[in-house]
C-alpha atoms as a PDB file:
ATOM      1  CA  UNK A   1       0.000   0.000   0.000  1.00  0.00           C
ATOM      2  CA  UNK A   2       1.283   3.473  -0.933  1.00  0.00           C
ATOM      3  CA  UNK A   3       1.850   6.422   1.325  1.00  0.00           C
ATOM      4  CA  UNK A   4      -1.180   8.518   2.226  1.00  0.00           C
ATOM      5  CA  UNK A   5      -0.948  11.775   0.271  1.00  0.00           C
ATOM      6  CA  UNK A   6      -4.612  12.649  -0.285  1.00  0.00           C
ATOM      7  CA  UNK A   7      -6.549  12.450   2.963  1.00  0.00           C
ATOM      8  CA  UNK A   8      -9.787  13.965   1.631  1.00  0.00           C
ATOM      9  CA  UNK A   9     -10.510  13.651  -2.092  1.00  0.00           C
ATOM     10  CA  UNK A  10     -13.913  15.394  -2.028  1.00  0.00           C
ATOM     11  CA  UNK A  11     -12.692  19.026  -2.503  1.00  0.00           C
ATOM     12  CA  UNK A  12     -10.915  17.919  -5.705  1.00  0.00           C
ATOM     13  CA  UNK A  13     -14.049  16.442  -7.290  1.00  0.00           C
ATOM     14  CA  UNK A  14     -16.329  18.173  -9.794  1.00  0.00           C
ATOM     15  CA  UNK A  15     -19.425  17.576  -7.652  1.00  0.00           C
ATOM     16  CA  UNK A  16     -17.946  19.416  -4.650  1.00  0.00           C
ATOM     17  CA  UNK A  17     -19.712  22.681  -3.728  1.00  0.00           C
ATOM     18  CA  UNK A  18     -17.054  25.094  -2.418  1.00  0.00           C
ATOM     19  CA  UNK A  19     -17.617  27.242   0.647  1.00  0.00           C
ATOM     20  CA  UNK A  20     -15.369  29.977  -0.749  1.00  0.00           C
ATOM     21  CA  UNK A  21     -15.554  31.484  -4.243  1.00  0.00           C
ATOM     22  CA  UNK A  22     -12.467  33.147  -5.690  1.00  0.00           C
ATOM     23  CA  UNK A  23     -12.248  35.830  -8.389  1.00  0.00           C
ATOM     24  CA  UNK A  24     -15.943  35.858  -9.286  1.00  0.00           C
ATOM     25  CA  UNK A  25     -17.052  38.933  -7.329  1.00  0.00           C
ATOM     26  CA  UNK A  26     -18.454  40.716 -10.400  1.00  0.00           C
ATOM     27  CA  UNK A  27     -20.468  37.708 -11.564  1.00  0.00           C
ATOM     28  CA  UNK A  28     -21.731  37.126  -8.026  1.00  0.00           C
ATOM     29  CA  UNK A  29     -22.973  40.706  -7.842  1.00  0.00           C
ATOM     30  CA  UNK A  30     -24.824  40.357 -11.168  1.00  0.00           C
ATOM     31  CA  UNK A  31     -26.459  37.121  -9.991  1.00  0.00           C
ATOM     32  CA  UNK A  32     -27.419  38.781  -6.725  1.00  0.00           C
ATOM     33  CA  UNK A  33     -29.381  41.418  -8.659  1.00  0.00           C
ATOM     34  CA  UNK A  34     -31.147  38.683 -10.647  1.00  0.00           C
ATOM     35  CA  UNK A  35     -32.049  36.576  -7.614  1.00  0.00           C
ATOM     36  CA  UNK A  36     -32.893  39.190  -4.966  1.00  0.00           C
ATOM     37  CA  UNK A  37     -36.613  39.236  -5.926  1.00  0.00           C
ATOM     38  CA  UNK A  38     -36.866  35.589  -4.769  1.00  0.00           C
ATOM     39  CA  UNK A  39     -36.170  36.649  -1.196  1.00  0.00           C
ATOM     40  CA  UNK A  40     -39.458  38.574  -1.323  1.00  0.00           C
ATOM     41  CA  UNK A  41     -41.296  35.686  -3.028  1.00  0.00           C
ATOM     42  CA  UNK A  42     -41.165  37.445  -6.390  1.00  0.00           C
ATOM     43  CA  UNK A  43     -40.046  35.908  -9.673  1.00  0.00           C
ATOM     44  CA  UNK A  44     -36.289  35.998 -10.236  1.00  0.00           C
ATOM     45  CA  UNK A  45     -34.813  37.643 -13.313  1.00  0.00           C
ATOM     46  CA  UNK A  46     -33.524  35.044 -15.763  1.00  0.00           C
ATOM     47  CA  UNK A  47     -29.803  34.821 -16.482  1.00  0.00           C
ATOM     48  CA  UNK A  48     -27.564  33.184 -19.102  1.00  0.00           C
ATOM     49  CA  UNK A  49     -24.155  32.208 -17.693  1.00  0.00           C
ATOM     50  CA  UNK A  50     -21.623  31.490 -20.427  1.00  0.00           C
ATOM     51  CA  UNK A  51     -17.922  30.921 -20.833  1.00  0.00           C
ATOM     52  CA  UNK A  52     -15.351  28.115 -21.191  1.00  0.00           C
ATOM     53  CA  UNK A  53     -15.551  24.930 -19.157  1.00  0.00           C
ATOM     54  CA  UNK A  54     -14.170  25.109 -15.627  1.00  0.00           C
ATOM     55  CA  UNK A  55     -14.709  28.840 -15.042  1.00  0.00           C
ATOM     56  CA  UNK A  56     -17.002  28.627 -12.015  1.00  0.00           C
ATOM     57  CA  UNK A  57     -20.452  28.812 -13.638  1.00  0.00           C
ATOM     58  CA  UNK A  58     -21.838  25.640 -12.072  1.00  0.00           C
ATOM     59  CA  UNK A  59     -20.001  26.091  -8.759  1.00  0.00           C
ATOM     60  CA  UNK A  60     -21.383  29.574  -8.178  1.00  0.00           C
ATOM     61  CA  UNK A  61     -24.981  28.538  -8.901  1.00  0.00           C
ATOM     62  CA  UNK A  62     -24.785  25.446  -6.684  1.00  0.00           C
ATOM     63  CA  UNK A  63     -23.295  27.525  -3.877  1.00  0.00           C
ATOM     64  CA  UNK A  64     -26.035  30.174  -4.139  1.00  0.00           C
ATOM     65  CA  UNK A  65     -28.800  27.557  -4.251  1.00  0.00           C
ATOM     66  CA  UNK A  66     -27.389  25.738  -1.238  1.00  0.00           C
ATOM     67  CA  UNK A  67     -26.857  28.909   0.820  1.00  0.00           C
ATOM     68  CA  UNK A  68     -30.064  30.795   0.074  1.00  0.00           C
ATOM     69  CA  UNK A  69     -32.668  28.851  -1.878  1.00  0.00           C
ATOM     70  CA  UNK A  70     -32.925  25.281  -0.591  1.00  0.00           C
ATOM     71  CA  UNK A  71     -36.451  23.969  -1.039  1.00  0.00           C
ATOM     72  CA  UNK A  72     -37.305  26.433  -3.812  1.00  0.00           C
ATOM     73  CA  UNK A  73     -34.529  25.604  -6.296  1.00  0.00           C
ATOM     74  CA  UNK A  74     -33.703  22.775  -8.673  1.00  0.00           C
ATOM     75  CA  UNK A  75     -30.550  21.998 -10.641  1.00  0.00           C
ATOM     76  CA  UNK A  76     -30.755  19.916 -13.832  1.00  0.00           C
ATOM     77  CA  UNK A  77     -27.833  18.877 -16.041  1.00  0.00           C
ATOM     78  CA  UNK A  78     -29.125  18.727 -19.611  1.00  0.00           C
ATOM     79  CA  UNK A  79     -26.388  16.297 -20.667  1.00  0.00           C
ATOM     80  CA  UNK A  80     -28.260  13.746 -18.556  1.00  0.00           C
ATOM     81  CA  UNK A  81     -31.772  15.107 -19.078  1.00  0.00           C
ATOM     82  CA  UNK A  82     -32.086  16.498 -22.602  1.00  0.00           C
ATOM     83  CA  UNK A  83     -35.762  15.681 -23.141  1.00  0.00           C
ATOM     84  CA  UNK A  84     -38.355  18.230 -21.941  1.00  0.00           C
ATOM     85  CA  UNK A  85     -40.327  15.616 -19.989  1.00  0.00           C
ATOM     86  CA  UNK A  86     -37.157  14.368 -18.295  1.00  0.00           C
ATOM     87  CA  UNK A  87     -36.323  17.936 -17.234  1.00  0.00           C
ATOM     88  CA  UNK A  88     -39.797  18.464 -15.754  1.00  0.00           C
ATOM     89  CA  UNK A  89     -39.636  15.148 -13.878  1.00  0.00           C
ATOM     90  CA  UNK A  90     -36.210  15.964 -12.437  1.00  0.00           C
ATOM     91  CA  UNK A  91     -37.398  19.374 -11.242  1.00  0.00           C
ATOM     92  CA  UNK A  92     -40.460  17.802  -9.629  1.00  0.00           C
ATOM     93  CA  UNK A  93     -38.407  15.160  -7.838  1.00  0.00           C
ATOM     94  CA  UNK A  94     -36.047  17.776  -6.379  1.00  0.00           C
ATOM     95  CA  UNK A  95     -38.966  19.899  -5.189  1.00  0.00           C
ATOM     96  CA  UNK A  96     -40.791  16.919  -3.665  1.00  0.00           C
ATOM     97  CA  UNK A  97     -43.664  17.058  -6.163  1.00  0.00           C
ATOM     98  CA  UNK A  98     -45.503  13.880  -7.132  1.00  0.00           C
ATOM     99  CA  UNK A  99     -44.642  12.716 -10.650  1.00  0.00           C
ATOM    100  CA  UNK A 100     -47.725  11.553 -12.552  1.00  0.00           C
ATOM    101  CA  UNK A 101     -49.811  12.408 -15.618  1.00  0.00           C
ATOM    102  CA  UNK A 102     -50.770  15.753 -14.032  1.00  0.00           C
ATOM    103  CA  UNK A 103     -47.118  16.794 -13.558  1.00  0.00           C
ATOM    104  CA  UNK A 104     -47.357  20.122 -15.364  1.00  0.00           C
ATOM    105  CA  UNK A 105     -50.436  21.111 -13.362  1.00  0.00           C
ATOM    106  CA  UNK A 106     -48.707  20.140 -10.113  1.00  0.00           C
ATOM    107  CA  UNK A 107     -45.622  22.182 -11.010  1.00  0.00           C
ATOM    108  CA  UNK A 108     -47.825  25.175 -11.829  1.00  0.00           C
ATOM    109  CA  UNK A 109     -49.682  24.829  -8.539  1.00  0.00           C
ATOM    110  CA  UNK A 110     -46.410  24.654  -6.604  1.00  0.00           C
ATOM    111  CA  UNK A 111     -45.074  27.732  -8.413  1.00  0.00           C
ATOM    112  CA  UNK A 112     -48.205  29.694  -7.481  1.00  0.00           C
ATOM    113  CA  UNK A 113     -47.474  29.155  -3.770  1.00  0.00           C
ATOM    114  CA  UNK A 114     -43.692  29.671  -3.906  1.00  0.00           C
ATOM    115  CA  UNK A 115     -41.468  31.369  -6.421  1.00  0.00           C
ATOM    116  CA  UNK A 116     -39.066  28.788  -7.844  1.00  0.00           C
ATOM    117  CA  UNK A 117     -35.633  29.115  -9.422  1.00  0.00           C
ATOM    118  CA  UNK A 118     -34.367  26.424 -11.819  1.00  0.00           C
ATOM    119  CA  UNK A 119     -30.844  26.007 -13.186  1.00  0.00           C
ATOM    120  CA  UNK A 120     -30.477  24.198 -16.507  1.00  0.00           C
ATOM    121  CA  UNK A 121     -26.783  23.403 -16.902  1.00  0.00           C
ATOM    122  CA  UNK A 122     -25.464  22.619 -20.410  1.00  0.00           C
ATOM    123  CA  UNK A 123     -28.763  24.088 -21.637  1.00  0.00           C
ATOM    124  CA  UNK A 124     -27.607  23.858 -25.279  1.00  0.00           C
ATOM    125  CA  UNK A 125     -27.983  20.067 -24.991  1.00  0.00           C
ATOM    126  CA  UNK A 126     -31.797  20.311 -24.765  1.00  0.00           C
ATOM    127  CA  UNK A 127     -33.523  18.611 -27.703  1.00  0.00           C
ATOM    128  CA  UNK A 128     -35.739  21.684 -28.047  1.00  0.00           C
ATOM    129  CA  UNK A 129     -36.425  24.886 -26.160  1.00  0.00           C
ATOM    130  CA  UNK A 130     -40.099  24.256 -25.361  1.00  0.00           C
ATOM    131  CA  UNK A 131     -39.344  23.459 -21.731  1.00  0.00           C
ATOM    132  CA  UNK A 132     -37.889  26.974 -21.305  1.00  0.00           C
ATOM    133  CA  UNK A 133     -41.196  28.431 -22.495  1.00  0.00           C
ATOM    134  CA  UNK A 134     -43.214  26.149 -20.198  1.00  0.00           C
ATOM    135  CA  UNK A 135     -41.175  26.887 -17.066  1.00  0.00           C
ATOM    136  CA  UNK A 136     -41.148  30.624 -17.640  1.00  0.00           C
ATOM    137  CA  UNK A 137     -44.868  30.588 -18.449  1.00  0.00           C
ATOM    138  CA  UNK A 138     -45.723  29.218 -14.982  1.00  0.00           C
ATOM    139  CA  UNK A 139     -43.549  31.816 -13.266  1.00  0.00           C
ATOM    140  CA  UNK A 140     -40.297  29.965 -12.608  1.00  0.00           C
ATOM    141  CA  UNK A 141     -37.021  31.884 -12.833  1.00  0.00           C
ATOM    142  CA  UNK A 142     -34.291  30.367 -15.005  1.00  0.00           C
ATOM    143  CA  UNK A 143     -30.514  30.235 -14.631  1.00  0.00           C
ATOM    144  CA  UNK A 144     -29.166  28.876 -17.926  1.00  0.00           C
ATOM    145  CA  UNK A 145     -25.549  27.694 -18.156  1.00  0.00           C
ATOM    146  CA  UNK A 146     -23.629  26.984 -21.349  1.00  0.00           C
ATOM    147  CA  UNK A 147     -20.161  26.949 -22.866  1.00  0.00           C
ATOM    148  CA  UNK A 148     -21.729  28.533 -25.934  1.00  0.00           C
ATOM    149  CA  UNK A 149     -22.031  32.265 -26.479  1.00  0.00           C
ATOM    150  CA  UNK A 150     -25.478  33.919 -26.130  1.00  0.00           C
ATOM    151  CA  UNK A 151     -26.004  33.655 -29.902  1.00  0.00           C
ATOM    152  CA  UNK A 152     -27.108  30.060 -29.175  1.00  0.00           C
ATOM    153  CA  UNK A 153     -30.185  31.427 -27.426  1.00  0.00           C
ATOM    154  CA  UNK A 154     -30.994  33.807 -30.268  1.00  0.00           C
ATOM    155  CA  UNK A 155     -31.409  30.828 -32.618  1.00  0.00           C
ATOM    156  CA  UNK A 156     -34.429  29.586 -30.639  1.00  0.00           C
ATOM    157  CA  UNK A 157     -37.996  30.366 -31.713  1.00  0.00           C
ATOM    158  CA  UNK A 158     -39.098  33.948 -31.277  1.00  0.00           C
ATOM    159  CA  UNK A 159     -41.938  32.968 -28.910  1.00  0.00           C
ATOM    160  CA  UNK A 160     -39.368  31.372 -26.557  1.00  0.00           C
ATOM    161  CA  UNK A 161     -36.968  34.318 -26.717  1.00  0.00           C
ATOM    162  CA  UNK A 162     -39.746  36.791 -25.968  1.00  0.00           C
ATOM    163  CA  UNK A 163     -40.969  34.715 -23.014  1.00  0.00           C
ATOM    164  CA  UNK A 164     -37.491  34.271 -21.512  1.00  0.00           C
ATOM    165  CA  UNK A 165     -35.634  37.616 -21.348  1.00  0.00           C
ATOM    166  CA  UNK A 166     -32.081  37.063 -20.132  1.00  0.00           C
ATOM    167  CA  UNK A 167     -29.301  38.860 -18.311  1.00  0.00           C
ATOM    168  CA  UNK A 168     -26.052  37.704 -19.927  1.00  0.00           C
ATOM    169  CA  UNK A 169     -23.210  36.996 -17.477  1.00  0.00           C
ATOM    170  CA  UNK A 170     -19.795  36.134 -18.899  1.00  0.00           C
ATOM    171  CA  UNK A 171     -17.328  33.865 -17.073  1.00  0.00           C
ATOM    172  CA  UNK A 172     -13.909  34.233 -18.752  1.00  0.00           C
ATOM    173  CA  UNK A 173     -11.146  31.670 -18.351  1.00  0.00           C
ATOM    174  CA  UNK A 174      -9.160  32.110 -15.146  1.00  0.00           C
ATOM    175  CA  UNK A 175      -5.645  33.465 -15.318  1.00  0.00           C
ATOM    176  CA  UNK A 176      -3.067  31.037 -13.984  1.00  0.00           C
ATOM    177  CA  UNK A 177      -2.625  33.280 -10.941  1.00  0.00           C
ATOM    178  CA  UNK A 178      -6.366  33.157 -10.186  1.00  0.00           C
ATOM    179  CA  UNK A 179      -6.346  29.404 -10.684  1.00  0.00           C
ATOM    180  CA  UNK A 180      -3.427  29.125  -8.279  1.00  0.00           C
ATOM    181  CA  UNK A 181      -5.551  30.687  -5.514  1.00  0.00           C
ATOM    182  CA  UNK A 182      -8.322  28.162  -6.148  1.00  0.00           C
ATOM    183  CA  UNK A 183      -6.028  25.129  -6.285  1.00  0.00           C
ATOM    184  CA  UNK A 184      -4.098  26.129  -3.172  1.00  0.00           C
ATOM    185  CA  UNK A 185      -7.351  26.483  -1.258  1.00  0.00           C
ATOM    186  CA  UNK A 186      -8.635  23.046  -2.295  1.00  0.00           C
ATOM    187  CA  UNK A 187      -5.253  21.379  -1.816  1.00  0.00           C
ATOM    188  CA  UNK A 188      -5.146  22.644   1.770  1.00  0.00           C
ATOM    189  CA  UNK A 189      -8.225  20.555   2.569  1.00  0.00           C
ATOM    190  CA  UNK A 190      -7.259  17.537   0.453  1.00  0.00           C
ATOM    191  CA  UNK A 191      -3.533  16.818   0.760  1.00  0.00           C
ATOM    192  CA  UNK A 192      -1.448  15.751   3.725  1.00  0.00           C
ATOM    193  CA  UNK A 193       0.714  18.726   4.814  1.00  0.00           C
ATOM    194  CA  UNK A 194       4.003  19.050   2.858  1.00  0.00           C
ATOM    195  CA  UNK A 195       3.025  16.296   0.401  1.00  0.00           C
ATOM    196  CA  UNK A 196       2.297  18.737  -2.446  1.00  0.00           C
ATOM    197  CA  UNK A 197       4.916  21.501  -2.916  1.00  0.00           C
ATOM    198  CA  UNK A 198       3.518  24.957  -3.728  1.00  0.00           C
ATOM    199  CA  UNK A 199       5.636  25.215  -6.880  1.00  0.00           C
ATOM    200  CA  UNK A 200       3.875  22.123  -8.257  1.00  0.00           C
ATOM    201  CA  UNK A 201       0.452  23.650  -7.572  1.00  0.00           C
ATOM    202  CA  UNK A 202       1.681  26.606  -9.647  1.00  0.00           C
ATOM    203  CA  UNK A 203       2.749  24.207 -12.404  1.00  0.00           C
ATOM    204  CA  UNK A 204      -0.695  22.608 -12.393  1.00  0.00           C
ATOM    205  CA  UNK A 205      -2.276  26.081 -12.553  1.00  0.00           C
ATOM    206  CA  UNK A 206      -0.288  26.933 -15.660  1.00  0.00           C
ATOM    207  CA  UNK A 207      -0.952  23.571 -17.339  1.00  0.00           C
ATOM    208  CA  UNK A 208      -4.721  23.811 -16.764  1.00  0.00           C
ATOM    209  CA  UNK A 209      -5.100  26.669 -19.292  1.00  0.00           C
ATOM    210  CA  UNK A 210      -7.676  28.579 -17.245  1.00  0.00           C
ATOM    211  CA  UNK A 211      -9.905  25.565 -16.483  1.00  0.00           C
ATOM    212  CA  UNK A 212     -10.399  24.963 -12.748  1.00  0.00           C
ATOM    213  CA  UNK A 213     -11.824  21.482 -13.301  1.00  0.00           C
ATOM    214  CA  UNK A 214      -8.736  20.468 -15.222  1.00  0.00           C
ATOM    215  CA  UNK A 215      -6.502  21.961 -12.534  1.00  0.00           C
ATOM    216  CA  UNK A 216      -8.273  20.079  -9.755  1.00  0.00           C
ATOM    217  CA  UNK A 217      -8.199  16.845 -11.742  1.00  0.00           C
ATOM    218  CA  UNK A 218      -4.459  17.282 -12.320  1.00  0.00           C
ATOM    219  CA  UNK A 219      -3.904  17.512  -8.564  1.00  0.00           C
ATOM    220  CA  UNK A 220      -6.161  14.554  -7.808  1.00  0.00           C
ATOM    221  CA  UNK A 221      -4.571  12.270 -10.405  1.00  0.00           C
ATOM    222  CA  UNK A 222      -1.056  13.372  -9.488  1.00  0.00           C
ATOM    223  CA  UNK A 223      -1.731  12.605  -5.827  1.00  0.00           C
ATOM    224  CA  UNK A 224      -3.059   9.143  -6.607  1.00  0.00           C
ATOM    225  CA  UNK A 225      -0.116   8.410  -8.907  1.00  0.00           C
ATOM    226  CA  UNK A 226       2.337   9.409  -6.178  1.00  0.00           C
ATOM    227  CA  UNK A 227       0.549   7.140  -3.682  1.00  0.00           C
ATOM    228  CA  UNK A 228       0.643   4.207  -6.127  1.00  0.00           C
ATOM    229  CA  UNK A 229       4.396   4.747  -6.511  1.00  0.00           C
ATOM    230  CA  UNK A 230       4.851   4.813  -2.737  1.00  0.00           C
ATOM    231  CA  UNK A 231       6.200   8.362  -2.766  1.00  0.00           C
ATOM    232  CA  UNK A 232       6.029  10.692   0.205  1.00  0.00           C
ATOM    233  CA  UNK A 233       5.523  13.725  -2.027  1.00  0.00           C
ATOM    234  CA  UNK A 234       4.052  14.498  -5.422  1.00  0.00           C
ATOM    235  CA  UNK A 235       6.772  15.251  -7.993  1.00  0.00           C
ATOM    236  CA  UNK A 236       6.742  17.155 -11.276  1.00  0.00           C
ATOM    237  CA  UNK A 237       6.577  13.822 -13.138  1.00  0.00           C
ATOM    238  CA  UNK A 238       3.153  13.013 -11.665  1.00  0.00           C
ATOM    239  CA  UNK A 239       1.877  16.544 -12.372  1.00  0.00           C
ATOM    240  CA  UNK A 240       2.892  16.424 -16.045  1.00  0.00           C
ATOM    241  CA  UNK A 241       1.477  12.915 -16.551  1.00  0.00           C
ATOM    242  CA  UNK A 242      -1.779  13.860 -14.834  1.00  0.00           C
ATOM    243  CA  UNK A 243      -2.028  17.004 -16.966  1.00  0.00           C
ATOM    244  CA  UNK A 244      -2.086  15.035 -20.208  1.00  0.00           C
ATOM    245  CA  UNK A 245      -4.815  12.748 -18.904  1.00  0.00           C
ATOM    246  CA  UNK A 246      -6.956  15.469 -17.324  1.00  0.00           C
ATOM    247  CA  UNK A 247      -7.014  17.751 -20.360  1.00  0.00           C
ATOM    248  CA  UNK A 248      -7.990  14.871 -22.645  1.00  0.00           C
ATOM    249  CA  UNK A 249     -10.762  13.880 -20.239  1.00  0.00           C
ATOM    250  CA  UNK A 250     -12.249  17.396 -20.061  1.00  0.00           C
ATOM    251  CA  UNK A 251     -12.158  17.917 -23.823  1.00  0.00           C
ATOM    252  CA  UNK A 252     -14.480  14.977 -24.646  1.00  0.00           C
ATOM    253  CA  UNK A 253     -17.867  16.480 -23.595  1.00  0.00           C
ATOM    254  CA  UNK A 254     -16.999  19.790 -25.264  1.00  0.00           C
ATOM    255  CA  UNK A 255     -16.297  18.068 -28.575  1.00  0.00           C
ATOM    256  CA  UNK A 256     -19.591  16.161 -28.303  1.00  0.00           C
ATOM    257  CA  UNK A 257     -21.479  19.454 -28.036  1.00  0.00           C
ATOM    258  CA  UNK A 258     -20.182  20.807 -31.382  1.00  0.00           C
ATOM    259  CA  UNK A 259     -22.458  20.883 -34.417  1.00  0.00           C
ATOM    260  CA  UNK A 260     -21.215  19.455 -37.739  1.00  0.00           C
ATOM    261  CA  UNK A 261     -19.715  22.708 -39.028  1.00  0.00           C
ATOM    262  CA  UNK A 262     -17.988  23.466 -35.717  1.00  0.00           C
ATOM    263  CA  UNK A 263     -16.629  19.908 -35.592  1.00  0.00           C
ATOM    264  CA  UNK A 264     -15.119  20.168 -39.104  1.00  0.00           C
ATOM    265  CA  UNK A 265     -13.545  23.528 -38.293  1.00  0.00           C
ATOM    266  CA  UNK A 266     -12.062  22.199 -35.052  1.00  0.00           C
ATOM    267  CA  UNK A 267     -10.801  18.912 -36.571  1.00  0.00           C
ATOM    268  CA  UNK A 268      -8.880  20.758 -39.293  1.00  0.00           C
ATOM    269  CA  UNK A 269      -7.010  22.819 -36.708  1.00  0.00           C
ATOM    270  CA  UNK A 270      -6.528  19.809 -34.440  1.00  0.00           C
ATOM    271  CA  UNK A 271      -4.897  17.866 -37.290  1.00  0.00           C
ATOM    272  CA  UNK A 272      -2.647  20.752 -38.371  1.00  0.00           C
ATOM    273  CA  UNK A 273      -1.748  21.887 -34.844  1.00  0.00           C
ATOM    274  CA  UNK A 274      -1.277  25.598 -35.658  1.00  0.00           C
ATOM    275  CA  UNK A 275      -2.663  27.621 -38.589  1.00  0.00           C
ATOM    276  CA  UNK A 276      -3.057  31.167 -39.818  1.00  0.00           C
ATOM    277  CA  UNK A 277      -6.691  32.276 -39.894  1.00  0.00           C
ATOM    278  CA  UNK A 278      -6.728  32.636 -43.701  1.00  0.00           C
ATOM    279  CA  UNK A 279      -5.133  29.231 -44.320  1.00  0.00           C
ATOM    280  CA  UNK A 280      -7.544  27.645 -41.856  1.00  0.00           C
ATOM    281  CA  UNK A 281     -10.554  29.059 -43.694  1.00  0.00           C
ATOM    282  CA  UNK A 282      -9.199  27.970 -47.092  1.00  0.00           C
ATOM    283  CA  UNK A 283      -8.672  24.429 -45.806  1.00  0.00           C
ATOM    284  CA  UNK A 284     -12.191  24.413 -44.376  1.00  0.00           C
ATOM    285  CA  UNK A 285     -13.665  25.479 -47.756  1.00  0.00           C
ATOM    286  CA  UNK A 286     -11.949  22.500 -49.408  1.00  0.00           C
ATOM    287  CA  UNK A 287     -13.475  20.021 -46.943  1.00  0.00           C
ATOM    288  CA  UNK A 288     -16.978  21.424 -46.409  1.00  0.00           C
ATOM    289  CA  UNK A 289     -19.762  20.642 -48.906  1.00  0.00           C
ATOM    290  CA  UNK A 290     -21.483  23.980 -48.273  1.00  0.00           C
ATOM    291  CA  UNK A 291     -18.892  26.306 -46.679  1.00  0.00           C
ATOM    292  CA  UNK A 292     -20.102  29.102 -44.447  1.00  0.00           C
ATOM    293  CA  UNK A 293     -19.033  32.681 -45.158  1.00  0.00           C
ATOM    294  CA  UNK A 294     -15.754  34.043 -43.903  1.00  0.00           C
ATOM    295  CA  UNK A 295     -17.676  36.165 -41.387  1.00  0.00           C
ATOM    296  CA  UNK A 296     -19.534  33.149 -40.004  1.00  0.00           C
ATOM    297  CA  UNK A 297     -16.258  31.201 -39.914  1.00  0.00           C
ATOM    298  CA  UNK A 298     -14.762  33.911 -37.682  1.00  0.00           C
ATOM    299  CA  UNK A 299     -17.779  33.645 -35.366  1.00  0.00           C
ATOM    300  CA  UNK A 300     -17.267  29.884 -35.152  1.00  0.00           C
ATOM    301  CA  UNK A 301     -13.619  30.057 -34.153  1.00  0.00           C
ATOM    302  CA  UNK A 302     -14.476  32.826 -31.663  1.00  0.00           C
ATOM    303  CA  UNK A 303     -16.979  30.406 -30.136  1.00  0.00           C
ATOM    304  CA  UNK A 304     -14.384  27.597 -30.061  1.00  0.00           C
ATOM    305  CA  UNK A 305     -11.990  29.939 -28.268  1.00  0.00           C
ATOM    306  CA  UNK A 306     -14.677  30.860 -25.733  1.00  0.00           C
ATOM    307  CA  UNK A 307     -15.184  27.144 -25.073  1.00  0.00           C
ATOM    308  CA  UNK A 308     -11.464  26.749 -24.385  1.00  0.00           C
ATOM    309  CA  UNK A 309     -10.841  24.381 -27.326  1.00  0.00           C
ATOM    310  CA  UNK A 310      -8.512  26.720 -29.222  1.00  0.00           C
ATOM    311  CA  UNK A 311      -6.539  29.899 -28.672  1.00  0.00           C
ATOM    312  CA  UNK A 312      -5.267  32.597 -30.997  1.00  0.00           C
ATOM    313  CA  UNK A 313      -2.380  35.040 -31.213  1.00  0.00           C
ATOM    314  CA  UNK A 314      -2.144  38.178 -33.344  1.00  0.00           C
ATOM    315  CA  UNK A 315      -4.809  40.145 -35.204  1.00  0.00           C
ATOM    316  CA  UNK A 316      -6.962  39.967 -38.331  1.00  0.00           C
ATOM    317  CA  UNK A 317      -6.647  37.429 -41.137  1.00  0.00           C
ATOM    318  CA  UNK A 318      -3.034  36.738 -40.131  1.00  0.00           C
ATOM    319  CA  UNK A 319      -3.984  35.726 -36.612  1.00  0.00           C
ATOM    320  CA  UNK A 320      -2.473  32.338 -35.749  1.00  0.00           C
ATOM    321  CA  UNK A 321      -4.552  29.685 -33.948  1.00  0.00           C
ATOM    322  CA  UNK A 322      -3.757  26.418 -32.241  1.00  0.00           C
ATOM    323  CA  UNK A 323      -5.878  23.603 -30.826  1.00  0.00           C
ATOM    324  CA  UNK A 324      -5.601  22.996 -27.085  1.00  0.00           C
END
């Protein structure tokens, strides 16, 4: 049996709800303005939280729900519940409402007595937007989370958009310094003292490319690797190995969420490694049956960058991009 390095794995896991939130004061203030009406039993203002994976969108909502709105809030991950009926059932179960053929009527009756707030995480995975219309129509407030930019929402039917006005709240990728604060805080509660040198937490922060989930997974995997090797401390070797695994793991669900055009655009860059913007577009036009315009192409790679799948350097048509 290896040495004990991680004494409490929970703070390193994705499901963990932190008690302290770092570097999201602005977003927290915007959410406060949206949710304050609930404290007076009034309908909350809807919000659309967007930005790359691992930037605190889910963590901040779960923390707020747990601290202030237990019993009148529901959280649904649309990767797992993409059908409208599945979403309604999940909300009902979390609110303690009987699930039967009169489910919609029961939800409406509950919402008349108490104002409810619902978070739909990965909302772009819904098969259609009808459930947004239904929930808003019975007076429930909506917190929508996505890696996609708000333009996703504008593609929905006009009747849905008009029923669900949104406050857009952007969550940019963390800087490595901001990520260092987060990782140090979690490591303090997870690792045996002196088993994870501070300089290696900094290395993990840099390797995570602004994604807190990746950073935490790097630490967790590195700790377990060090234990399996019967080490007393994590070394740089474990951090680097864990980084390769963690980044590959986090990329999978993002790639699954891409539409066909986005997937082709990303795969070209992934195969080439690095490309100038103009060369990238020319290569795309060769592969696509019905190429989008240059303007739309620029919107697509801006969206891929927002999701944390690519990054660019420079300006204009000569801007150079690389896949992460």
